[in-house]
């Protein structure tokens, strides 16, 4: 192996094209460490840098018969730079997909949480209204859900405006009391 380390890149490349394993080992020994350091200047993770450089040497071996370069060192450096840029682009794409997926999951959880909360509120309101005076509930629904004015409700129900106000106020108090059990801030 010692005689191979003294050979020039051009001779090593010629022998590599002839599938000379010793020439490949000499190239590997000569450039591996410095290529990992160069790659590590682009890629923070040492193990990822080593993987990239090892991949380049695999490519070098696989392309040994077809490779046409004027400078082996230049080819190796360009290959490292190219693969590092690809790795950085890939990492950014993956991070972007992860961020989008997390945002989507959070949005879905928020929506699910809101739906659960809405269903809970709906159930509390339904149970509370089912247990109260039907005339008062009817006045409340016309006021709050149908957006009718107290005078209109009074006319429909054949009662005074003041009776409608009292009935609606009673329902609002009861609902507020029941909802305060779930949401303590409502009791303030």
C-alpha atoms as a PDB file:
ATOM      1  CA  UNK A   1       0.000   0.000   0.000  1.00  0.00           C
ATOM      2  CA  UNK A   2       2.923   2.284   0.690  1.00  0.00           C
ATOM      3  CA  UNK A   3       3.891   2.338  -3.010  1.00  0.00           C
ATOM      4  CA  UNK A   4       0.318   3.447  -3.849  1.00  0.00           C
ATOM      5  CA  UNK A   5       0.410   6.428  -1.506  1.00  0.00           C
ATOM      6  CA  UNK A   6       3.297   7.858  -3.535  1.00  0.00           C
ATOM      7  CA  UNK A   7       1.343   7.715  -6.816  1.00  0.00           C
ATOM      8  CA  UNK A   8      -0.191  10.797  -8.364  1.00  0.00           C
ATOM      9  CA  UNK A   9      -3.970  11.246  -8.591  1.00  0.00           C
ATOM     10  CA  UNK A  10      -3.850  10.692 -12.345  1.00  0.00           C
ATOM     11  CA  UNK A  11      -2.136   7.318 -11.982  1.00  0.00           C
ATOM     12  CA  UNK A  12      -4.440   6.318  -9.097  1.00  0.00           C
ATOM     13  CA  UNK A  13      -7.434   7.241 -11.249  1.00  0.00           C
ATOM     14  CA  UNK A  14      -6.112   5.147 -14.168  1.00  0.00           C
ATOM     15  CA  UNK A  15      -5.652   2.149 -11.885  1.00  0.00           C
ATOM     16  CA  UNK A  16      -9.068   2.767 -10.296  1.00  0.00           C
ATOM     17  CA  UNK A  17     -10.629   2.590 -13.775  1.00  0.00           C
ATOM     18  CA  UNK A  18      -9.065  -0.873 -14.034  1.00  0.00           C
ATOM     19  CA  UNK A  19     -10.848  -1.875 -10.757  1.00  0.00           C
ATOM     20  CA  UNK A  20      -7.666  -1.810  -8.711  1.00  0.00           C
ATOM     21  CA  UNK A  21      -8.823  -2.030  -5.067  1.00  0.00           C
ATOM     22  CA  UNK A  22      -5.475  -0.839  -3.779  1.00  0.00           C
ATOM     23  CA  UNK A  23      -5.777   2.329  -5.868  1.00  0.00           C
ATOM     24  CA  UNK A  24      -9.255   2.901  -4.451  1.00  0.00           C
ATOM     25  CA  UNK A  25      -7.950   2.371  -0.903  1.00  0.00           C
ATOM     26  CA  UNK A  26      -5.111   4.817  -1.540  1.00  0.00           C
ATOM     27  CA  UNK A  27      -7.559   7.475  -2.793  1.00  0.00           C
ATOM     28  CA  UNK A  28      -9.814   6.803   0.175  1.00  0.00           C
ATOM     29  CA  UNK A  29      -6.925   7.076   2.669  1.00  0.00           C
ATOM     30  CA  UNK A  30      -5.611  10.220   0.999  1.00  0.00           C
ATOM     31  CA  UNK A  31      -8.889  12.184   0.886  1.00  0.00           C
ATOM     32  CA  UNK A  32     -11.426  10.711   3.303  1.00  0.00           C
ATOM     33  CA  UNK A  33     -10.507  12.671   6.426  1.00  0.00           C
ATOM     34  CA  UNK A  34     -10.155  16.061   4.701  1.00  0.00           C
ATOM     35  CA  UNK A  35     -13.430  15.507   2.794  1.00  0.00           C
ATOM     36  CA  UNK A  36     -15.238  14.715   6.058  1.00  0.00           C
ATOM     37  CA  UNK A  37     -13.862  17.949   7.559  1.00  0.00           C
ATOM     38  CA  UNK A  38     -14.961  19.900   4.465  1.00  0.00           C
ATOM     39  CA  UNK A  39     -18.377  18.266   4.535  1.00  0.00           C
ATOM     40  CA  UNK A  40     -18.634  18.972   8.259  1.00  0.00           C
ATOM     41  CA  UNK A  41     -18.287  22.679   7.488  1.00  0.00           C
ATOM     42  CA  UNK A  42     -21.637  22.398   5.653  1.00  0.00           C
ATOM     43  CA  UNK A  43     -23.320  19.685   7.718  1.00  0.00           C
ATOM     44  CA  UNK A  44     -23.270  19.985  11.503  1.00  0.00           C
ATOM     45  CA  UNK A  45     -23.653  16.297  12.319  1.00  0.00           C
ATOM     46  CA  UNK A  46     -20.339  14.476  12.027  1.00  0.00           C
ATOM     47  CA  UNK A  47     -22.019  11.116  11.355  1.00  0.00           C
ATOM     48  CA  UNK A  48     -24.085  12.649   8.533  1.00  0.00           C
ATOM     49  CA  UNK A  49     -20.935  14.201   7.054  1.00  0.00           C
ATOM     50  CA  UNK A  50     -19.221  10.816   7.184  1.00  0.00           C
ATOM     51  CA  UNK A  51     -22.215   9.178   5.496  1.00  0.00           C
ATOM     52  CA  UNK A  52     -22.141  11.752   2.691  1.00  0.00           C
ATOM     53  CA  UNK A  53     -18.406  11.268   2.091  1.00  0.00           C
ATOM     54  CA  UNK A  54     -18.746   7.484   2.182  1.00  0.00           C
ATOM     55  CA  UNK A  55     -21.560   7.796  -0.364  1.00  0.00           C
ATOM     56  CA  UNK A  56     -19.252   9.783  -2.625  1.00  0.00           C
ATOM     57  CA  UNK A  57     -16.626   7.067  -2.432  1.00  0.00           C
ATOM     58  CA  UNK A  58     -19.271   4.478  -3.265  1.00  0.00           C
ATOM     59  CA  UNK A  59     -20.206   6.609  -6.314  1.00  0.00           C
ATOM     60  CA  UNK A  60     -16.533   6.897  -7.237  1.00  0.00           C
ATOM     61  CA  UNK A  61     -16.142   3.122  -7.192  1.00  0.00           C
ATOM     62  CA  UNK A  62     -19.391   2.533  -9.119  1.00  0.00           C
ATOM     63  CA  UNK A  63     -18.476   5.147 -11.769  1.00  0.00           C
ATOM     64  CA  UNK A  64     -14.783   4.249 -11.911  1.00  0.00           C
ATOM     65  CA  UNK A  65     -14.873   3.105 -15.545  1.00  0.00           C
ATOM     66  CA  UNK A  66     -16.960   6.035 -16.805  1.00  0.00           C
ATOM     67  CA  UNK A  67     -15.478   8.846 -14.745  1.00  0.00           C
ATOM     68  CA  UNK A  68     -13.804  11.526 -16.813  1.00  0.00           C
ATOM     69  CA  UNK A  69     -12.192  14.182 -14.655  1.00  0.00           C
ATOM     70  CA  UNK A  70      -9.246  16.458 -14.999  1.00  0.00           C
ATOM     71  CA  UNK A  71      -8.773  16.663 -11.230  1.00  0.00           C
ATOM     72  CA  UNK A  72      -9.723  13.863  -8.857  1.00  0.00           C
ATOM     73  CA  UNK A  73      -9.534  16.212  -5.874  1.00  0.00           C
ATOM     74  CA  UNK A  74     -11.734  18.748  -7.679  1.00  0.00           C
ATOM     75  CA  UNK A  75     -14.292  16.053  -8.510  1.00  0.00           C
ATOM     76  CA  UNK A  76     -14.358  14.864  -4.905  1.00  0.00           C
ATOM     77  CA  UNK A  77     -14.773  18.420  -3.541  1.00  0.00           C
ATOM     78  CA  UNK A  78     -17.547  19.257  -6.038  1.00  0.00           C
ATOM     79  CA  UNK A  79     -19.285  15.987  -5.171  1.00  0.00           C
ATOM     80  CA  UNK A  80     -19.138  16.780  -1.457  1.00  0.00           C
ATOM     81  CA  UNK A  81     -20.453  20.304  -1.994  1.00  0.00           C
ATOM     82  CA  UNK A  82     -23.252  19.040  -4.255  1.00  0.00           C
ATOM     83  CA  UNK A  83     -24.304  16.287  -1.845  1.00  0.00           C
ATOM     84  CA  UNK A  84     -24.144  18.680   1.127  1.00  0.00           C
ATOM     85  CA  UNK A  85     -26.405  21.170  -0.647  1.00  0.00           C
ATOM     86  CA  UNK A  86     -28.807  18.335  -1.512  1.00  0.00           C
ATOM     87  CA  UNK A  87     -28.796  17.194   2.120  1.00  0.00           C
ATOM     88  CA  UNK A  88     -29.466  20.760   3.337  1.00  0.00           C
ATOM     89  CA  UNK A  89     -32.332  21.195   0.849  1.00  0.00           C
ATOM     90  CA  UNK A  90     -33.773  17.834   1.845  1.00  0.00           C
ATOM     91  CA  UNK A  91     -33.523  18.713   5.536  1.00  0.00           C
ATOM     92  CA  UNK A  92     -35.333  22.035   4.948  1.00  0.00           C
ATOM     93  CA  UNK A  93     -38.095  20.264   3.019  1.00  0.00           C
ATOM     94  CA  UNK A  94     -38.480  17.662   5.768  1.00  0.00           C
ATOM     95  CA  UNK A  95     -38.544  20.372   8.454  1.00  0.00           C
ATOM     96  CA  UNK A  96     -41.148  22.278   6.465  1.00  0.00           C
ATOM     97  CA  UNK A  97     -43.319  19.173   6.131  1.00  0.00           C
ATOM     98  CA  UNK A  98     -42.951  18.453   9.833  1.00  0.00           C
ATOM     99  CA  UNK A  99     -43.897  22.048  10.718  1.00  0.00           C
ATOM    100  CA  UNK A 100     -46.925  21.876   8.421  1.00  0.00           C
ATOM    101  CA  UNK A 101     -47.968  18.517   9.848  1.00  0.00           C
ATOM    102  CA  UNK A 102     -47.640  19.797  13.414  1.00  0.00           C
ATOM    103  CA  UNK A 103     -49.640  22.921  12.572  1.00  0.00           C
ATOM    104  CA  UNK A 104     -52.302  20.766  10.941  1.00  0.00           C
ATOM    105  CA  UNK A 105     -52.443  18.424  13.928  1.00  0.00           C
ATOM    106  CA  UNK A 106     -52.694  21.396  16.308  1.00  0.00           C
ATOM    107  CA  UNK A 107     -55.456  22.876  14.181  1.00  0.00           C
ATOM    108  CA  UNK A 108     -57.307  19.558  14.159  1.00  0.00           C
ATOM    109  CA  UNK A 109     -56.888  19.215  17.924  1.00  0.00           C
ATOM    110  CA  UNK A 110     -58.099  22.782  18.424  1.00  0.00           C
ATOM    111  CA  UNK A 111     -61.107  22.049  16.213  1.00  0.00           C
ATOM    112  CA  UNK A 112     -61.801  18.791  18.028  1.00  0.00           C
ATOM    113  CA  UNK A 113     -61.420  20.545  21.363  1.00  0.00           C
ATOM    114  CA  UNK A 114     -63.831  23.259  20.251  1.00  0.00           C
ATOM    115  CA  UNK A 115     -66.289  20.646  19.034  1.00  0.00           C
ATOM    116  CA  UNK A 116     -66.140  18.798  22.349  1.00  0.00           C
ATOM    117  CA  UNK A 117     -66.556  22.061  24.225  1.00  0.00           C
ATOM    118  CA  UNK A 118     -69.446  23.092  21.982  1.00  0.00           C
ATOM    119  CA  UNK A 119     -71.146  19.723  22.508  1.00  0.00           C
ATOM    120  CA  UNK A 120     -70.665  20.047  26.275  1.00  0.00           C
ATOM    121  CA  UNK A 121     -72.149  23.540  26.238  1.00  0.00           C
ATOM    122  CA  UNK A 122     -75.025  22.429  24.076  1.00  0.00           C
ATOM    123  CA  UNK A 123     -75.753  19.541  26.445  1.00  0.00           C
ATOM    124  CA  UNK A 124     -75.619  21.776  29.544  1.00  0.00           C
ATOM    125  CA  UNK A 125     -77.938  24.308  27.911  1.00  0.00           C
ATOM    126  CA  UNK A 126     -80.346  21.577  26.782  1.00  0.00           C
ATOM    127  CA  UNK A 127     -80.496  19.899  30.210  1.00  0.00           C
ATOM    128  CA  UNK A 128     -80.878  23.245  31.990  1.00  0.00           C
ATOM    129  CA  UNK A 129     -83.648  24.417  29.651  1.00  0.00           C
ATOM    130  CA  UNK A 130     -85.464  21.071  29.919  1.00  0.00           C
ATOM    131  CA  UNK A 131     -85.712  21.551  33.697  1.00  0.00           C
ATOM    132  CA  UNK A 132     -87.109  25.091  33.657  1.00  0.00           C
ATOM    133  CA  UNK A 133     -90.522  26.655  33.172  1.00  0.00           C
ATOM    134  CA  UNK A 134     -91.614  26.046  29.556  1.00  0.00           C
ATOM    135  CA  UNK A 135     -93.076  29.548  29.105  1.00  0.00           C
ATOM    136  CA  UNK A 136     -89.859  31.122  30.342  1.00  0.00           C
ATOM    137  CA  UNK A 137     -87.815  28.875  28.043  1.00  0.00           C
ATOM    138  CA  UNK A 138     -90.062  29.739  25.099  1.00  0.00           C
ATOM    139  CA  UNK A 139     -89.607  33.497  25.799  1.00  0.00           C
ATOM    140  CA  UNK A 140     -85.832  33.006  26.119  1.00  0.00           C
ATOM    141  CA  UNK A 141     -85.556  31.078  22.830  1.00  0.00           C
ATOM    142  CA  UNK A 142     -87.586  33.699  20.944  1.00  0.00           C
ATOM    143  CA  UNK A 143     -85.406  36.455  22.423  1.00  0.00           C
ATOM    144  CA  UNK A 144     -81.955  34.915  22.106  1.00  0.00           C
ATOM    145  CA  UNK A 145     -82.260  32.415  19.265  1.00  0.00           C
ATOM    146  CA  UNK A 146     -84.912  34.020  17.068  1.00  0.00           C
ATOM    147  CA  UNK A 147     -83.670  37.575  17.838  1.00  0.00           C
ATOM    148  CA  UNK A 148     -87.156  38.857  18.560  1.00  0.00           C
ATOM    149  CA  UNK A 149     -87.844  41.979  20.618  1.00  0.00           C
ATOM    150  CA  UNK A 150     -89.544  41.733  23.995  1.00  0.00           C
ATOM    151  CA  UNK A 151     -92.631  43.562  22.661  1.00  0.00           C
ATOM    152  CA  UNK A 152     -93.023  41.025  19.831  1.00  0.00           C
ATOM    153  CA  UNK A 153     -92.644  38.118  22.254  1.00  0.00           C
ATOM    154  CA  UNK A 154     -95.170  39.669  24.658  1.00  0.00           C
ATOM    155  CA  UNK A 155     -97.688  40.011  21.834  1.00  0.00           C
ATOM    156  CA  UNK A 156     -97.225  36.400  20.672  1.00  0.00           C
ATOM    157  CA  UNK A 157     -97.369  34.979  24.223  1.00  0.00           C
ATOM    158  CA  UNK A 158    -100.252  37.300  25.281  1.00  0.00           C
ATOM    159  CA  UNK A 159     -98.312  38.604  28.301  1.00  0.00           C
ATOM    160  CA  UNK A 160     -96.830  41.953  29.311  1.00  0.00           C
ATOM    161  CA  UNK A 161     -93.410  43.113  28.182  1.00  0.00           C
ATOM    162  CA  UNK A 162     -92.296  43.050  31.840  1.00  0.00           C
ATOM    163  CA  UNK A 163     -93.284  39.348  32.142  1.00  0.00           C
ATOM    164  CA  UNK A 164     -91.119  38.537  29.107  1.00  0.00           C
ATOM    165  CA  UNK A 165     -88.181  40.440  30.655  1.00  0.00           C
ATOM    166  CA  UNK A 166     -88.541  38.547  33.936  1.00  0.00           C
ATOM    167  CA  UNK A 167     -88.794  35.160  32.184  1.00  0.00           C
ATOM    168  CA  UNK A 168     -85.772  35.781  29.928  1.00  0.00           C
ATOM    169  CA  UNK A 169     -83.727  37.156  32.843  1.00  0.00           C
ATOM    170  CA  UNK A 170     -84.595  34.065  34.929  1.00  0.00           C
ATOM    171  CA  UNK A 171     -83.384  31.720  32.162  1.00  0.00           C
ATOM    172  CA  UNK A 172     -80.199  33.742  31.615  1.00  0.00           C
ATOM    173  CA  UNK A 173     -79.417  33.551  35.363  1.00  0.00           C
ATOM    174  CA  UNK A 174     -80.004  29.793  35.437  1.00  0.00           C
ATOM    175  CA  UNK A 175     -77.817  29.212  32.380  1.00  0.00           C
ATOM    176  CA  UNK A 176     -75.079  31.450  33.760  1.00  0.00           C
ATOM    177  CA  UNK A 177     -75.209  29.540  37.061  1.00  0.00           C
ATOM    178  CA  UNK A 178     -74.931  26.153  35.324  1.00  0.00           C
ATOM    179  CA  UNK A 179     -72.201  27.317  32.950  1.00  0.00           C
ATOM    180  CA  UNK A 180     -70.238  28.847  35.849  1.00  0.00           C
ATOM    181  CA  UNK A 181     -69.772  25.305  37.134  1.00  0.00           C
ATOM    182  CA  UNK A 182     -67.852  24.490  33.950  1.00  0.00           C
ATOM    183  CA  UNK A 183     -66.358  27.974  33.510  1.00  0.00           C
ATOM    184  CA  UNK A 184     -65.763  29.600  36.915  1.00  0.00           C
ATOM    185  CA  UNK A 185     -64.873  32.953  35.343  1.00  0.00           C
ATOM    186  CA  UNK A 186     -68.536  33.374  34.319  1.00  0.00           C
ATOM    187  CA  UNK A 187     -69.642  33.703  37.946  1.00  0.00           C
ATOM    188  CA  UNK A 188     -67.735  36.968  38.376  1.00  0.00           C
END
